[in-house]
């Protein structure tokens, strides 16, 4: 039983590390190419934006800004 629990814990750890690495790679790629203001360039970038909450920008009425004033 302890071996099963250790295997499940190791598998979850690997999944989390791979997910974080994918997000880090995608964020670095978008930072280098300055593509954050437009549509995501690939599937990995779209997933990273979704995980980071970038796709939910301006959905709260409290923080809503007109379309021309999205950037500072």
N, C-alpha and C. Protein backbone atom coordinates (compact mmCIF):
# COMPACT_ATOMS: atom_id res chain seq x y z
N UNK A 1 0.82 -1.20 0.00
CA UNK A 1 0.00 0.00 0.00
C UNK A 1 0.86 1.26 0.00
N UNK A 2 1.93 1.25 0.76
CA UNK A 2 2.80 2.41 0.82
C UNK A 2 3.46 2.65 -0.53
N UNK A 3 3.78 1.57 -1.24
CA UNK A 3 4.37 1.71 -2.58
C UNK A 3 3.41 2.35 -3.56
N UNK A 4 2.12 2.00 -3.45
CA UNK A 4 1.11 2.60 -4.32
C UNK A 4 0.96 4.09 -4.05
N UNK A 5 0.92 4.46 -2.80
CA UNK A 5 0.80 5.88 -2.42
C UNK A 5 2.02 6.65 -2.91
N UNK A 6 3.21 6.06 -2.78
CA UNK A 6 4.43 6.72 -3.25
C UNK A 6 4.41 6.88 -4.77
N UNK A 7 3.91 5.88 -5.49
CA UNK A 7 3.83 5.96 -6.95
C UNK A 7 2.85 7.04 -7.40
N UNK A 8 1.71 7.13 -6.73
CA UNK A 8 0.72 8.16 -7.06
C UNK A 8 1.29 9.54 -6.76
N UNK A 9 1.95 9.69 -5.63
CA UNK A 9 2.55 10.98 -5.27
C UNK A 9 3.63 11.37 -6.28
N UNK A 10 4.44 10.42 -6.70
CA UNK A 10 5.48 10.70 -7.69
C UNK A 10 4.87 11.09 -9.03
N UNK A 11 3.80 10.41 -9.42
CA UNK A 11 3.14 10.73 -10.69
C UNK A 11 2.54 12.14 -10.64
N UNK A 12 1.91 12.49 -9.55
CA UNK A 12 1.35 13.83 -9.42
C UNK A 12 2.44 14.89 -9.43
N UNK A 13 3.56 14.59 -8.79
CA UNK A 13 4.68 15.52 -8.78
C UNK A 13 5.20 15.75 -10.20
N UNK A 14 5.33 14.69 -10.96
CA UNK A 14 5.81 14.81 -12.35
C UNK A 14 4.83 15.63 -13.19
N UNK A 15 3.54 15.39 -13.02
CA UNK A 15 2.53 16.14 -13.78
C UNK A 15 2.61 17.62 -13.46
N UNK A 16 2.75 17.97 -12.20
CA UNK A 16 2.84 19.38 -11.81
C UNK A 16 4.11 20.02 -12.35
N UNK A 17 5.23 19.33 -12.26
CA UNK A 17 6.50 19.88 -12.75
C UNK A 17 6.45 20.08 -14.27
N UNK A 18 5.91 19.12 -14.99
CA UNK A 18 5.79 19.25 -16.45
C UNK A 18 4.86 20.41 -16.80
N UNK A 19 3.76 20.56 -16.09
CA UNK A 19 2.84 21.67 -16.34
C UNK A 19 3.49 23.02 -16.08
N UNK A 20 4.22 23.13 -14.99
CA UNK A 20 4.91 24.39 -14.70
C UNK A 20 6.00 24.69 -15.72
N UNK A 21 6.70 23.66 -16.17
CA UNK A 21 7.72 23.87 -17.19
C UNK A 21 7.10 24.33 -18.51
N UNK A 22 5.97 23.75 -18.88
CA UNK A 22 5.30 24.16 -20.12
C UNK A 22 4.84 25.62 -20.03
N UNK A 23 4.30 26.01 -18.91
CA UNK A 23 3.87 27.41 -18.73
C UNK A 23 5.08 28.34 -18.76
N UNK A 24 6.16 27.96 -18.11
CA UNK A 24 7.36 28.80 -18.09
C UNK A 24 7.95 28.98 -19.48
N UNK A 25 7.98 27.90 -20.25
CA UNK A 25 8.51 27.98 -21.61
C UNK A 25 7.63 28.88 -22.47
N UNK A 26 6.34 28.72 -22.34
CA UNK A 26 5.41 29.53 -23.13
C UNK A 26 5.48 31.01 -22.76
N UNK A 27 5.54 31.30 -21.49
CA UNK A 27 5.62 32.70 -21.05
C UNK A 27 6.92 33.34 -21.52
N UNK A 28 8.00 32.60 -21.44
CA UNK A 28 9.29 33.13 -21.91
C UNK A 28 9.26 33.41 -23.41
N UNK A 29 8.66 32.50 -24.17
CA UNK A 29 8.55 32.69 -25.62
C UNK A 29 7.75 33.93 -25.95
N UNK A 30 6.63 34.14 -25.25
CA UNK A 30 5.80 35.31 -25.52
C UNK A 30 6.50 36.60 -25.08
N UNK A 31 7.25 36.55 -24.01
CA UNK A 31 8.00 37.73 -23.58
C UNK A 31 9.06 38.12 -24.59
N UNK A 32 9.72 37.13 -25.17
CA UNK A 32 10.77 37.43 -26.15
C UNK A 32 10.21 37.98 -27.45
N UNK A 33 9.04 37.52 -27.87
CA UNK A 33 8.49 37.95 -29.16
C UNK A 33 7.44 39.05 -29.03
N UNK A 34 7.16 39.50 -27.82
CA UNK A 34 6.19 40.58 -27.58
C UNK A 34 4.83 40.28 -28.21
N UNK A 35 4.30 39.08 -28.00
CA UNK A 35 3.02 38.71 -28.60
C UNK A 35 1.86 38.73 -27.61
N UNK A 36 2.06 39.26 -26.43
CA UNK A 36 1.00 39.20 -25.42
C UNK A 36 -0.19 40.09 -25.75
N UNK A 37 -0.01 41.14 -26.54
CA UNK A 37 -1.11 42.05 -26.83
C UNK A 37 -2.06 41.50 -27.89
N UNK A 38 -1.62 40.52 -28.68
CA UNK A 38 -2.46 39.94 -29.72
C UNK A 38 -2.96 38.57 -29.33
N UNK A 39 -3.40 37.83 -30.33
CA UNK A 39 -3.83 36.45 -30.11
C UNK A 39 -2.63 35.57 -29.79
N UNK A 40 -2.86 34.51 -29.07
CA UNK A 40 -1.79 33.58 -28.73
C UNK A 40 -1.27 32.91 -30.00
N UNK A 41 0.05 32.74 -30.07
CA UNK A 41 0.66 32.23 -31.29
C UNK A 41 0.50 30.73 -31.48
N UNK A 42 0.36 29.98 -30.40
CA UNK A 42 0.23 28.53 -30.53
C UNK A 42 -0.59 27.96 -29.38
N UNK A 43 -0.77 26.67 -29.42
CA UNK A 43 -1.61 25.98 -28.43
C UNK A 43 -1.04 26.08 -27.01
N UNK A 44 0.28 25.96 -26.90
CA UNK A 44 0.92 26.04 -25.60
C UNK A 44 0.73 27.42 -24.98
N UNK A 45 0.86 28.45 -25.81
CA UNK A 45 0.67 29.82 -25.32
C UNK A 45 -0.77 30.07 -24.89
N UNK A 46 -1.72 29.55 -25.64
CA UNK A 46 -3.13 29.69 -25.25
C UNK A 46 -3.40 29.02 -23.91
N UNK A 47 -2.83 27.84 -23.72
CA UNK A 47 -3.01 27.14 -22.45
C UNK A 47 -2.36 27.88 -21.30
N UNK A 48 -1.18 28.43 -21.53
CA UNK A 48 -0.49 29.19 -20.48
C UNK A 48 -1.27 30.45 -20.12
N UNK A 49 -1.81 31.12 -21.14
CA UNK A 49 -2.63 32.31 -20.86
C UNK A 49 -3.85 31.95 -20.04
N UNK A 50 -4.47 30.84 -20.38
CA UNK A 50 -5.66 30.41 -19.64
C UNK A 50 -5.33 30.09 -18.19
N UNK A 51 -4.21 29.40 -17.97
CA UNK A 51 -3.80 29.07 -16.61
C UNK A 51 -3.42 30.30 -15.80
N UNK A 52 -2.81 31.28 -16.46
CA UNK A 52 -2.40 32.50 -15.77
C UNK A 52 -3.52 33.52 -15.64
N UNK A 53 -4.63 33.30 -16.30
CA UNK A 53 -5.77 34.21 -16.19
C UNK A 53 -5.71 35.40 -17.11
N UNK A 54 -4.82 35.39 -18.09
CA UNK A 54 -4.72 36.53 -19.00
C UNK A 54 -5.96 36.62 -19.88
N UNK A 55 -6.55 35.51 -20.22
CA UNK A 55 -7.74 35.50 -21.06
C UNK A 55 -8.97 36.05 -20.36
N UNK A 56 -8.93 36.25 -19.08
CA UNK A 56 -10.07 36.75 -18.33
C UNK A 56 -9.98 38.24 -18.06
N UNK A 57 -9.06 38.91 -18.69
CA UNK A 57 -8.86 40.34 -18.47
C UNK A 57 -10.13 41.12 -18.81
N UNK A 58 -10.46 42.07 -18.00
CA UNK A 58 -11.58 43.00 -18.19
C UNK A 58 -12.95 42.34 -18.17
N UNK A 59 -13.11 41.23 -17.49
CA UNK A 59 -14.43 40.63 -17.37
C UNK A 59 -15.17 41.12 -16.12
N UNK A 60 -14.46 41.69 -15.16
CA UNK A 60 -15.10 42.22 -13.97
C UNK A 60 -15.52 43.67 -14.23
N UNK A 61 -16.75 43.98 -13.92
CA UNK A 61 -17.26 45.34 -14.12
C UNK A 61 -16.45 46.37 -13.33
N UNK A 62 -15.99 45.99 -12.17
CA UNK A 62 -15.23 46.90 -11.33
C UNK A 62 -13.94 47.35 -12.02
N UNK A 63 -13.33 46.43 -12.75
CA UNK A 63 -12.06 46.72 -13.40
C UNK A 63 -12.19 46.91 -14.90
N UNK A 64 -13.41 47.07 -15.41
CA UNK A 64 -13.64 47.18 -16.84
C UNK A 64 -13.11 48.50 -17.38
N UNK A 65 -12.40 48.40 -18.49
CA UNK A 65 -11.89 49.59 -19.16
C UNK A 65 -12.34 49.55 -20.61
N UNK A 66 -12.57 50.69 -21.23
CA UNK A 66 -12.93 50.71 -22.66
C UNK A 66 -11.84 50.07 -23.50
N UNK A 67 -12.23 49.59 -24.67
CA UNK A 67 -11.33 48.83 -25.52
C UNK A 67 -10.05 49.57 -25.86
N UNK A 68 -10.08 50.85 -26.10
CA UNK A 68 -8.88 51.60 -26.47
C UNK A 68 -7.93 51.87 -25.31
N UNK A 69 -8.33 51.56 -24.08
CA UNK A 69 -7.52 51.87 -22.92
C UNK A 69 -7.05 50.61 -22.17
N UNK A 70 -6.75 49.53 -22.91
CA UNK A 70 -6.35 48.27 -22.27
C UNK A 70 -4.94 48.32 -21.72
N UNK A 71 -4.06 49.09 -22.36
CA UNK A 71 -2.66 49.17 -21.93
C UNK A 71 -2.42 50.49 -21.22
N UNK A 72 -1.46 50.51 -20.32
CA UNK A 72 -1.16 51.74 -19.61
C UNK A 72 -0.23 52.60 -20.42
